[in-house]
Structures are given as structure tokens and as C-alpha cells.
Amino acid sequence: MSHITSENRADFFDKIKPIKAVIKESLEREKSMVATIRHDNSGVEYKKLILCEEMIYVATLYISINTYSLELLDVKNQDALNDARKSIYKAIIYLEEIVSNVVDCPYNELESKLATISNTPIEKRFYLIKKLGFVIQLLSDALGDNTKWKWSFVEIRGRYTAVAKNLVDMKAASKDYFDPSSANYDTTVLYVRLIRKMLDDSATGYRDKYELSTRSTEDMRVAINYLIAARRIAMILGDNEESEEIRKKAVVWKTKMEAEKKKSAAK
């Protein structure tokens, strides 16, 4: 890290001043909308979709502050990155409040929740999820591999995966996925493929967290829940071969977890 001159510091603060002003405006809009929701329940789920987008935007602004810090001061701005992380959590929470944070939530429990945002087309949901995933990756890249938040990204990505999956009406998607004449065909295929990859990645992430960090059976249980959710989608799509492969993987992971738990208890 090079010496930070007063000129560099002054330049940095000049660059981020308008960004901080925009952040302040966005947070004030959030505060105002949250206050509105408390007094008026109408369309609350649509308002939370807007709040989610607002927090994604705020997170990108905080990350841009870190970019200027690296360019002008040759040092990461940990405060800005931490604020970006908090904004991403808020974005995810707003989605969780709409469609639940339970990754293997049965469709009959999701149906009434999805009905509250029925006027939001799948294209817009997919775009929102892609934006959220992009800013999560931006933050991960900015923090680097050696960050103290390394394992917390397993949770962030896991929760992100759960809401991405739960935002999809799988009853409709299972039809559109196989119907090239459907207006939603292309988006549905891309979205469902993304969800399947995310579920597998999150399952692997929690398994790695268990094996390399916590040794907590709760992490392994969560990993298996993501496999169960992935298997449900495979079954819905009639992908019997993939469904069986996932089932076998879940059995192996569960057997391993239980064996290690017994071994640990016997010590």
C-alpha cells in the first residue's frame, strides 16, 4: 500500500461526495416507503419488490465507493463494503417477506404468496434475480478470497437461491418450460436452468462450510435441504435420471453426516 497523500484523500472525498448524496436519497426513499407500508397494506408485496431493487442499487453505490478508494488511495474501503453487504441482506429480506425463505417450501404453501405478485411477469422477476446475483458477485470479488466474510457468503448465496426459486410459479413454469410457443418459454428455460445450478451450488457451499469450517450438522442439514429442493424441480420437469442422482447424493451426504455425528459423540 502506497502512502496516502492529502491530495489523494481530498480527491477521493470529492469523488464519493455525490455518490453518498445519492445513497442518502435512496435510503430516504426506502424509509418513506417502509413508513407508507406500516399505514397502508395495499400492494405491499409490489412495494417490497421496489424496495429490493432500491437496496440492490444502494449496494452498487457502496461498491463504487470502494472502487474509488482502490484507485485513489490504493486501499479497500471496508466500511463501504460492509454497508454494501448489509444492503444486499436487506434486498434479500424484502424478497423473503414476499415469498418465504424456506428453500424446499411446498408449492401449495407458496401459491397464495405468489398470488400477491401475480402481475409481475416472469421476465421482470428473472431480471431482478440476475441483478441481485450480479451485485452479490461484485461484492464477493471486491472482498476477495481471504475476507472474514468468506463463509457468510454461503448463507447470502443460499438465501438468495431460496428467494430466486420461490419467486417462480413452478406450476406455470413446468408448462412453459416445454412449450416453445409460449411467450414465456425462453425466460422460463433460462430461469429454471439458473435455479437448478444455484441449488446445486448452494448445497455444495453448505457442505463445504460443514467440512472445512464449522463441522456443524446444521450446515449439512441445510445442504441436504437444497438437494431436496433441486430434486423436486427435477421431478416436476420429469427429469428422472437427475432426480435419482440427486437422491443418491443426498443419501450419501446424510449417511456421512450421521456417521461423523456418532463418531464425535463417542469421543
C-alpha atoms as a PDB file:
ATOM      1  CA  MET A   1       0.000   0.000   0.000  1.00  0.00           C
ATOM      2  CA  SER A   2       1.440   3.361  -1.040  1.00  0.00           C
ATOM      3  CA  HIS A   3       1.483   6.442   1.149  1.00  0.00           C
ATOM      4  CA  ILE A   4      -1.843   8.290   1.035  1.00  0.00           C
ATOM      5  CA  THR A   5      -1.279  11.964   0.319  1.00  0.00           C
ATOM      6  CA  SER A   6      -3.624  14.724   1.413  1.00  0.00           C
ATOM      7  CA  GLU A   7      -4.256  15.454  -2.266  1.00  0.00           C
ATOM      8  CA  ASN A   8      -5.295  11.843  -2.927  1.00  0.00           C
ATOM      9  CA  ARG A   9      -7.539  11.854   0.104  1.00  0.00           C
ATOM     10  CA  ALA A  10      -9.166  15.130  -0.944  1.00  0.00           C
ATOM     11  CA  ASP A  11      -9.685  13.775  -4.472  1.00  0.00           C
ATOM     12  CA  PHE A  12     -11.282  10.638  -3.042  1.00  0.00           C
ATOM     13  CA  PHE A  13     -13.753  12.570  -0.906  1.00  0.00           C
ATOM     14  CA  ASP A  14     -14.623  14.804  -3.867  1.00  0.00           C
ATOM     15  CA  LYS A  15     -15.364  11.740  -5.995  1.00  0.00           C
ATOM     16  CA  ILE A  16     -17.559   9.996  -3.449  1.00  0.00           C
ATOM     17  CA  LYS A  17     -19.466  13.067  -2.244  1.00  0.00           C
ATOM     18  CA  PRO A  18     -22.134  12.863  -4.996  1.00  0.00           C
ATOM     19  CA  ILE A  19     -22.346   9.091  -4.556  1.00  0.00           C
ATOM     20  CA  LYS A  20     -23.015   9.444  -0.837  1.00  0.00           C
ATOM     21  CA  ALA A  21     -25.682  12.031  -1.642  1.00  0.00           C
ATOM     22  CA  VAL A  22     -27.440   9.552  -3.944  1.00  0.00           C
ATOM     23  CA  ILE A  23     -27.172   6.846  -1.280  1.00  0.00           C
ATOM     24  CA  LYS A  24     -28.779   9.192   1.232  1.00  0.00           C
ATOM     25  CA  GLU A  25     -31.643   9.907  -1.175  1.00  0.00           C
ATOM     26  CA  SER A  26     -32.192   6.191  -1.793  1.00  0.00           C
ATOM     27  CA  LEU A  27     -32.230   5.362   1.912  1.00  0.00           C
ATOM     28  CA  GLU A  28     -34.701   8.184   2.497  1.00  0.00           C
ATOM     29  CA  ARG A  29     -36.961   6.736  -0.228  1.00  0.00           C
ATOM     30  CA  GLU A  30     -36.724   3.358   1.479  1.00  0.00           C
ATOM     31  CA  LYS A  31     -37.590   4.878   4.854  1.00  0.00           C
ATOM     32  CA  SER A  32     -40.557   6.700   3.356  1.00  0.00           C
ATOM     33  CA  MET A  33     -41.918   3.596   1.643  1.00  0.00           C
ATOM     34  CA  VAL A  34     -41.497   1.470   4.775  1.00  0.00           C
ATOM     35  CA  ALA A  35     -43.476   4.113   6.689  1.00  0.00           C
ATOM     36  CA  THR A  36     -46.170   4.002   3.999  1.00  0.00           C
ATOM     37  CA  ILE A  37     -46.379   0.213   4.260  1.00  0.00           C
ATOM     38  CA  ARG A  38     -46.977   0.472   8.007  1.00  0.00           C
ATOM     39  CA  HIS A  39     -50.065   2.614   7.382  1.00  0.00           C
ATOM     40  CA  ASP A  40     -51.295   1.125   4.119  1.00  0.00           C
ATOM     41  CA  ASN A  41     -51.210  -2.611   3.401  1.00  0.00           C
ATOM     42  CA  SER A  42     -52.393  -2.350  -0.194  1.00  0.00           C
ATOM     43  CA  GLY A  43     -49.896  -3.664  -2.730  1.00  0.00           C
ATOM     44  CA  VAL A  44     -47.318  -4.235  -0.014  1.00  0.00           C
ATOM     45  CA  GLU A  45     -45.618  -7.071  -1.915  1.00  0.00           C
ATOM     46  CA  TYR A  46     -45.143  -4.911  -5.010  1.00  0.00           C
ATOM     47  CA  LYS A  47     -43.695  -2.180  -2.832  1.00  0.00           C
ATOM     48  CA  LYS A  48     -41.218  -4.673  -1.387  1.00  0.00           C
ATOM     49  CA  LEU A  49     -40.117  -5.619  -4.904  1.00  0.00           C
ATOM     50  CA  ILE A  50     -39.353  -1.933  -5.425  1.00  0.00           C
ATOM     51  CA  LEU A  51     -37.511  -1.791  -2.101  1.00  0.00           C
ATOM     52  CA  CYS A  52     -35.440  -4.800  -3.127  1.00  0.00           C
ATOM     53  CA  GLU A  53     -34.367  -3.022  -6.316  1.00  0.00           C
ATOM     54  CA  GLU A  54     -33.578   0.105  -4.318  1.00  0.00           C
ATOM     55  CA  MET A  55     -31.276  -1.843  -1.990  1.00  0.00           C
ATOM     56  CA  ILE A  56     -29.512  -3.517  -4.932  1.00  0.00           C
ATOM     57  CA  TYR A  57     -28.870  -0.037  -6.316  1.00  0.00           C
ATOM     58  CA  VAL A  58     -27.564   1.183  -2.960  1.00  0.00           C
ATOM     59  CA  ALA A  59     -25.219  -1.807  -2.740  1.00  0.00           C
ATOM     60  CA  THR A  60     -23.725  -0.967  -6.150  1.00  0.00           C
ATOM     61  CA  LEU A  61     -23.141   2.605  -4.978  1.00  0.00           C
ATOM     62  CA  TYR A  62     -21.271   1.446  -1.893  1.00  0.00           C
ATOM     63  CA  ILE A  63     -19.162  -0.866  -4.050  1.00  0.00           C
ATOM     64  CA  SER A  64     -18.332   2.068  -6.338  1.00  0.00           C
ATOM     65  CA  ILE A  65     -17.004   3.934  -3.297  1.00  0.00           C
ATOM     66  CA  ASN A  66     -14.650   1.021  -2.698  1.00  0.00           C
ATOM     67  CA  THR A  67     -13.580   1.177  -6.355  1.00  0.00           C
ATOM     68  CA  TYR A  68     -12.607   4.844  -5.981  1.00  0.00           C
ATOM     69  CA  SER A  69     -10.798   4.002  -2.744  1.00  0.00           C
ATOM     70  CA  LEU A  70      -8.703   1.386  -4.541  1.00  0.00           C
ATOM     71  CA  GLU A  71      -7.982   3.696  -7.480  1.00  0.00           C
ATOM     72  CA  LEU A  72      -7.100   6.820  -5.492  1.00  0.00           C
ATOM     73  CA  LEU A  73      -5.917   5.527  -2.118  1.00  0.00           C
ATOM     74  CA  ASP A  74      -4.772   2.001  -3.018  1.00  0.00           C
ATOM     75  CA  VAL A  75      -6.746   0.574  -0.105  1.00  0.00           C
ATOM     76  CA  LYS A  76     -10.087  -1.210   0.263  1.00  0.00           C
ATOM     77  CA  ASN A  77     -12.853   0.757   1.921  1.00  0.00           C
ATOM     78  CA  GLN A  78     -14.087  -1.866   4.359  1.00  0.00           C
ATOM     79  CA  ASP A  79     -16.851   0.383   5.710  1.00  0.00           C
ATOM     80  CA  ALA A  80     -18.349   0.809   2.243  1.00  0.00           C
ATOM     81  CA  LEU A  81     -18.095  -2.921   1.521  1.00  0.00           C
ATOM     82  CA  ASN A  82     -19.738  -3.757   4.839  1.00  0.00           C
ATOM     83  CA  ASP A  83     -22.563  -1.324   4.064  1.00  0.00           C
ATOM     84  CA  ALA A  84     -22.939  -2.986   0.653  1.00  0.00           C
ATOM     85  CA  ARG A  85     -23.208  -6.356   2.384  1.00  0.00           C
ATOM     86  CA  LYS A  86     -25.928  -5.010   4.694  1.00  0.00           C
ATOM     87  CA  SER A  87     -27.822  -3.571   1.707  1.00  0.00           C
ATOM     88  CA  ILE A  88     -27.710  -6.938  -0.053  1.00  0.00           C
ATOM     89  CA  TYR A  89     -29.108  -8.621   3.045  1.00  0.00           C
ATOM     90  CA  LYS A  90     -31.929  -6.076   3.111  1.00  0.00           C
ATOM     91  CA  ALA A  91     -32.693  -6.753  -0.556  1.00  0.00           C
ATOM     92  CA  ILE A  92     -32.901 -10.476   0.144  1.00  0.00           C
ATOM     93  CA  ILE A  93     -35.045  -9.952   3.246  1.00  0.00           C
ATOM     94  CA  TYR A  94     -37.578  -7.912   1.272  1.00  0.00           C
ATOM     95  CA  LEU A  95     -37.955 -10.864  -1.123  1.00  0.00           C
ATOM     96  CA  GLU A  96     -38.127 -13.343   1.753  1.00  0.00           C
ATOM     97  CA  GLU A  97     -41.020 -11.356   3.210  1.00  0.00           C
ATOM     98  CA  ILE A  98     -42.882 -11.843  -0.075  1.00  0.00           C
ATOM     99  CA  VAL A  99     -42.252 -15.494  -0.914  1.00  0.00           C
ATOM    100  CA  SER A 100     -40.677 -17.137   2.174  1.00  0.00           C
ATOM    101  CA  ASN A 101     -37.066 -18.085   2.922  1.00  0.00           C
ATOM    102  CA  VAL A 102     -37.739 -21.843   3.018  1.00  0.00           C
ATOM    103  CA  VAL A 103     -35.880 -23.389   0.088  1.00  0.00           C
ATOM    104  CA  ASP A 104     -37.886 -26.634  -0.009  1.00  0.00           C
ATOM    105  CA  CYS A 105     -41.213 -24.930   0.621  1.00  0.00           C
ATOM    106  CA  PRO A 106     -44.044 -26.984  -0.993  1.00  0.00           C
ATOM    107  CA  TYR A 107     -45.846 -25.273  -3.859  1.00  0.00           C
ATOM    108  CA  ASN A 108     -49.215 -25.335  -2.090  1.00  0.00           C
ATOM    109  CA  GLU A 109     -47.685 -23.126   0.620  1.00  0.00           C
ATOM    110  CA  LEU A 110     -46.181 -20.760  -1.948  1.00  0.00           C
ATOM    111  CA  GLU A 111     -49.283 -20.443  -4.113  1.00  0.00           C
ATOM    112  CA  SER A 112     -51.009 -17.788  -2.005  1.00  0.00           C
ATOM    113  CA  LYS A 113     -47.769 -15.818  -1.650  1.00  0.00           C
ATOM    114  CA  LEU A 114     -47.136 -15.849  -5.397  1.00  0.00           C
ATOM    115  CA  ALA A 115     -50.697 -14.682  -5.988  1.00  0.00           C
ATOM    116  CA  THR A 116     -49.797 -11.365  -4.330  1.00  0.00           C
ATOM    117  CA  ILE A 117     -47.321 -10.567  -7.131  1.00  0.00           C
ATOM    118  CA  SER A 118     -49.178 -12.235  -9.991  1.00  0.00           C
ATOM    119  CA  ASN A 119     -48.989  -9.049 -12.078  1.00  0.00           C
ATOM    120  CA  THR A 120     -45.199  -9.127 -12.065  1.00  0.00           C
ATOM    121  CA  PRO A 121     -44.157 -11.041 -15.209  1.00  0.00           C
ATOM    122  CA  ILE A 122     -41.515 -13.731 -15.026  1.00  0.00           C
ATOM    123  CA  GLU A 123     -39.197 -11.591 -17.185  1.00  0.00           C
ATOM    124  CA  LYS A 124     -39.130  -8.897 -14.519  1.00  0.00           C
ATOM    125  CA  ARG A 125     -38.582 -11.441 -11.737  1.00  0.00           C
ATOM    126  CA  PHE A 126     -35.725 -13.021 -13.680  1.00  0.00           C
ATOM    127  CA  TYR A 127     -34.142  -9.617 -14.327  1.00  0.00           C
ATOM    128  CA  LEU A 128     -34.390  -8.735 -10.630  1.00  0.00           C
ATOM    129  CA  ILE A 129     -32.765 -12.019  -9.612  1.00  0.00           C
ATOM    130  CA  LYS A 130     -29.965 -11.564 -12.137  1.00  0.00           C
ATOM    131  CA  LYS A 131     -29.281  -8.056 -10.813  1.00  0.00           C
ATOM    132  CA  LEU A 132     -29.176  -9.337  -7.247  1.00  0.00           C
ATOM    133  CA  GLY A 133     -26.821 -12.145  -8.207  1.00  0.00           C
ATOM    134  CA  PHE A 134     -24.579  -9.710 -10.066  1.00  0.00           C
ATOM    135  CA  VAL A 135     -24.187  -7.371  -7.091  1.00  0.00           C
ATOM    136  CA  ILE A 136     -23.506 -10.319  -4.767  1.00  0.00           C
ATOM    137  CA  GLN A 137     -20.699 -11.388  -7.108  1.00  0.00           C
ATOM    138  CA  LEU A 138     -19.383  -7.822  -7.289  1.00  0.00           C
ATOM    139  CA  LEU A 139     -19.156  -7.693  -3.503  1.00  0.00           C
ATOM    140  CA  SER A 140     -17.540 -11.129  -3.307  1.00  0.00           C
ATOM    141  CA  ASP A 141     -14.911 -10.084  -5.858  1.00  0.00           C
ATOM    142  CA  ALA A 142     -14.279  -6.802  -4.043  1.00  0.00           C
ATOM    143  CA  LEU A 143     -13.760  -8.517  -0.688  1.00  0.00           C
ATOM    144  CA  GLY A 144     -11.525 -11.241  -2.121  1.00  0.00           C
ATOM    145  CA  ASP A 145     -10.918 -14.829  -1.038  1.00  0.00           C
ATOM    146  CA  ASN A 146      -9.294 -14.068   2.309  1.00  0.00           C
ATOM    147  CA  THR A 147     -12.116 -11.988   3.749  1.00  0.00           C
ATOM    148  CA  LYS A 148     -13.522 -12.730   7.191  1.00  0.00           C
ATOM    149  CA  TRP A 149     -16.916 -12.848   5.442  1.00  0.00           C
ATOM    150  CA  LYS A 150     -15.916 -15.852   3.292  1.00  0.00           C
ATOM    151  CA  TRP A 151     -18.280 -18.340   4.892  1.00  0.00           C
ATOM    152  CA  SER A 152     -21.059 -15.790   5.353  1.00  0.00           C
ATOM    153  CA  PHE A 153     -21.327 -15.721   1.559  1.00  0.00           C
ATOM    154  CA  VAL A 154     -22.547 -19.306   1.711  1.00  0.00           C
ATOM    155  CA  GLU A 155     -25.536 -18.034   3.680  1.00  0.00           C
ATOM    156  CA  ILE A 156     -26.006 -14.969   1.464  1.00  0.00           C
ATOM    157  CA  ARG A 157     -25.983 -17.079  -1.687  1.00  0.00           C
ATOM    158  CA  GLY A 158     -28.145 -19.726  -0.045  1.00  0.00           C
ATOM    159  CA  ARG A 159     -30.808 -17.229   0.941  1.00  0.00           C
ATOM    160  CA  TYR A 160     -30.560 -15.626  -2.491  1.00  0.00           C
ATOM    161  CA  THR A 161     -31.087 -19.045  -4.073  1.00  0.00           C
ATOM    162  CA  ALA A 162     -34.160 -19.705  -1.928  1.00  0.00           C
ATOM    163  CA  VAL A 163     -35.935 -16.491  -2.942  1.00  0.00           C
ATOM    164  CA  ALA A 164     -34.909 -16.912  -6.579  1.00  0.00           C
ATOM    165  CA  LYS A 165     -36.576 -20.322  -6.584  1.00  0.00           C
ATOM    166  CA  ASN A 166     -39.628 -19.222  -4.605  1.00  0.00           C
ATOM    167  CA  LEU A 167     -40.320 -16.285  -6.935  1.00  0.00           C
ATOM    168  CA  VAL A 168     -41.130 -18.751  -9.713  1.00  0.00           C
ATOM    169  CA  ASP A 169     -44.596 -20.188 -10.137  1.00  0.00           C
ATOM    170  CA  MET A 170     -43.412 -23.733 -10.845  1.00  0.00           C
ATOM    171  CA  LYS A 171     -46.908 -24.846 -11.808  1.00  0.00           C
ATOM    172  CA  ALA A 172     -46.888 -22.389 -14.712  1.00  0.00           C
ATOM    173  CA  ALA A 173     -43.163 -22.781 -15.333  1.00  0.00           C
ATOM    174  CA  SER A 174     -43.429 -26.557 -15.726  1.00  0.00           C
ATOM    175  CA  LYS A 175     -45.794 -25.946 -18.672  1.00  0.00           C
ATOM    176  CA  ASP A 176     -43.938 -23.023 -20.263  1.00  0.00           C
ATOM    177  CA  TYR A 177     -40.622 -24.897 -19.975  1.00  0.00           C
ATOM    178  CA  PHE A 178     -41.807 -27.464 -22.530  1.00  0.00           C
ATOM    179  CA  ASP A 179     -43.826 -25.142 -24.769  1.00  0.00           C
ATOM    180  CA  PRO A 180     -41.718 -23.241 -27.338  1.00  0.00           C
ATOM    181  CA  SER A 181     -44.865 -21.438 -28.484  1.00  0.00           C
ATOM    182  CA  SER A 182     -45.316 -19.848 -25.043  1.00  0.00           C
ATOM    183  CA  ALA A 183     -44.372 -16.176 -24.732  1.00  0.00           C
ATOM    184  CA  ASN A 184     -42.578 -17.101 -21.507  1.00  0.00           C
ATOM    185  CA  TYR A 185     -40.662 -20.063 -22.950  1.00  0.00           C
ATOM    186  CA  ASP A 186     -37.191 -18.521 -23.316  1.00  0.00           C
ATOM    187  CA  THR A 187     -37.232 -16.742 -19.971  1.00  0.00           C
ATOM    188  CA  THR A 188     -38.623 -19.770 -18.154  1.00  0.00           C
ATOM    189  CA  VAL A 189     -35.970 -22.105 -19.562  1.00  0.00           C
ATOM    190  CA  LEU A 190     -33.165 -19.705 -18.618  1.00  0.00           C
ATOM    191  CA  TYR A 191     -34.614 -19.008 -15.188  1.00  0.00           C
ATOM    192  CA  VAL A 192     -35.208 -22.669 -14.314  1.00  0.00           C
ATOM    193  CA  ARG A 193     -31.723 -23.628 -15.507  1.00  0.00           C
ATOM    194  CA  LEU A 194     -30.281 -20.880 -13.329  1.00  0.00           C
ATOM    195  CA  ILE A 195     -32.261 -22.043 -10.285  1.00  0.00           C
ATOM    196  CA  ARG A 196     -31.107 -25.638 -10.728  1.00  0.00           C
ATOM    197  CA  LYS A 197     -27.477 -24.533 -10.881  1.00  0.00           C
ATOM    198  CA  MET A 198     -27.910 -22.239  -7.886  1.00  0.00           C
ATOM    199  CA  LEU A 199     -29.482 -25.009  -5.808  1.00  0.00           C
ATOM    200  CA  ASP A 200     -26.588 -27.330  -6.591  1.00  0.00           C
ATOM    201  CA  ASP A 201     -24.025 -24.592  -5.860  1.00  0.00           C
ATOM    202  CA  SER A 202     -25.684 -23.706  -2.543  1.00  0.00           C
ATOM    203  CA  ALA A 203     -25.877 -27.349  -1.484  1.00  0.00           C
ATOM    204  CA  THR A 204     -22.167 -27.696  -2.240  1.00  0.00           C
ATOM    205  CA  GLY A 205     -21.423 -24.432  -0.440  1.00  0.00           C
ATOM    206  CA  TYR A 206     -23.080 -25.541   2.786  1.00  0.00           C
ATOM    207  CA  ARG A 207     -21.424 -28.956   2.559  1.00  0.00           C
ATOM    208  CA  ASP A 208     -18.015 -27.264   2.140  1.00  0.00           C
ATOM    209  CA  LYS A 209     -18.779 -24.957   5.056  1.00  0.00           C
ATOM    210  CA  TYR A 210     -19.512 -28.041   7.176  1.00  0.00           C
ATOM    211  CA  GLU A 211     -16.410 -29.921   6.098  1.00  0.00           C
ATOM    212  CA  LEU A 212     -13.915 -27.056   6.034  1.00  0.00           C
ATOM    213  CA  SER A 213     -15.155 -24.717   8.743  1.00  0.00           C
ATOM    214  CA  THR A 214     -17.947 -25.376  11.217  1.00  0.00           C
ATOM    215  CA  ARG A 215     -18.432 -29.171  11.420  1.00  0.00           C
ATOM    216  CA  SER A 216     -21.974 -28.192  12.384  1.00  0.00           C
ATOM    217  CA  THR A 217     -24.587 -30.770  11.437  1.00  0.00           C
ATOM    218  CA  GLU A 218     -26.996 -27.886  10.873  1.00  0.00           C
ATOM    219  CA  ASP A 219     -24.936 -26.781   7.868  1.00  0.00           C
ATOM    220  CA  MET A 220     -25.070 -30.301   6.458  1.00  0.00           C
ATOM    221  CA  ARG A 221     -28.827 -30.476   7.052  1.00  0.00           C
ATOM    222  CA  VAL A 222     -29.251 -27.221   5.161  1.00  0.00           C
ATOM    223  CA  ALA A 223     -27.088 -28.580   2.332  1.00  0.00           C
ATOM    224  CA  ILE A 224     -29.368 -31.615   2.080  1.00  0.00           C
ATOM    225  CA  ASN A 225     -32.448 -29.352   2.039  1.00  0.00           C
ATOM    226  CA  TYR A 226     -31.052 -27.636  -1.056  1.00  0.00           C
ATOM    227  CA  LEU A 227     -30.608 -31.037  -2.673  1.00  0.00           C
ATOM    228  CA  ILE A 228     -34.215 -31.891  -1.813  1.00  0.00           C
ATOM    229  CA  ALA A 229     -35.382 -28.660  -3.452  1.00  0.00           C
ATOM    230  CA  ALA A 230     -33.300 -29.443  -6.539  1.00  0.00           C
ATOM    231  CA  ARG A 231     -34.790 -32.934  -6.683  1.00  0.00           C
ATOM    232  CA  ARG A 232     -38.322 -31.570  -6.514  1.00  0.00           C
ATOM    233  CA  ILE A 233     -37.662 -29.414  -9.566  1.00  0.00           C
ATOM    234  CA  ALA A 234     -36.134 -32.366 -11.419  1.00  0.00           C
ATOM    235  CA  MET A 235     -39.241 -34.396 -10.624  1.00  0.00           C
ATOM    236  CA  ILE A 236     -41.567 -31.600 -11.748  1.00  0.00           C
ATOM    237  CA  LEU A 237     -39.701 -31.444 -15.055  1.00  0.00           C
ATOM    238  CA  GLY A 238     -39.793 -35.219 -15.442  1.00  0.00           C
ATOM    239  CA  ASP A 239     -36.016 -35.480 -15.281  1.00  0.00           C
ATOM    240  CA  ASN A 240     -35.993 -38.890 -13.622  1.00  0.00           C
ATOM    241  CA  GLU A 241     -32.304 -39.577 -14.141  1.00  0.00           C
ATOM    242  CA  GLU A 242     -31.244 -36.315 -12.499  1.00  0.00           C
ATOM    243  CA  SER A 243     -33.798 -36.832  -9.717  1.00  0.00           C
ATOM    244  CA  GLU A 244     -32.285 -40.220  -8.904  1.00  0.00           C
ATOM    245  CA  GLU A 245     -28.735 -38.848  -8.954  1.00  0.00           C
ATOM    246  CA  ILE A 246     -29.702 -36.107  -6.516  1.00  0.00           C
ATOM    247  CA  ARG A 247     -31.459 -38.635  -4.274  1.00  0.00           C
ATOM    248  CA  LYS A 248     -28.331 -40.786  -4.146  1.00  0.00           C
ATOM    249  CA  LYS A 249     -26.171 -37.755  -3.353  1.00  0.00           C
ATOM    250  CA  ALA A 250     -28.497 -36.718  -0.518  1.00  0.00           C
ATOM    251  CA  VAL A 251     -28.359 -40.246   0.949  1.00  0.00           C
ATOM    252  CA  VAL A 252     -24.542 -40.242   0.831  1.00  0.00           C
ATOM    253  CA  TRP A 253     -24.346 -36.831   2.498  1.00  0.00           C
ATOM    254  CA  LYS A 254     -26.860 -37.779   5.193  1.00  0.00           C
ATOM    255  CA  THR A 255     -25.095 -41.082   5.901  1.00  0.00           C
ATOM    256  CA  LYS A 256     -21.752 -39.303   6.172  1.00  0.00           C
ATOM    257  CA  MET A 257     -23.191 -36.650   8.483  1.00  0.00           C
ATOM    258  CA  GLU A 258     -24.791 -39.208  10.802  1.00  0.00           C
ATOM    259  CA  ALA A 259     -21.634 -41.354  10.908  1.00  0.00           C
ATOM    260  CA  GLU A 260     -19.463 -38.386  11.820  1.00  0.00           C
ATOM    261  CA  LYS A 261     -22.011 -37.280  14.412  1.00  0.00           C
ATOM    262  CA  LYS A 262     -21.894 -40.707  16.089  1.00  0.00           C
ATOM    263  CA  LYS A 263     -18.106 -40.733  15.948  1.00  0.00           C
ATOM    264  CA  SER A 264     -17.955 -37.295  17.560  1.00  0.00           C
ATOM    265  CA  ALA A 265     -20.422 -38.313  20.292  1.00  0.00           C
ATOM    266  CA  ALA A 266     -18.383 -41.415  21.113  1.00  0.00           C
ATOM    267  CA  LYS A 267     -15.248 -39.412  21.885  1.00  0.00           C
END
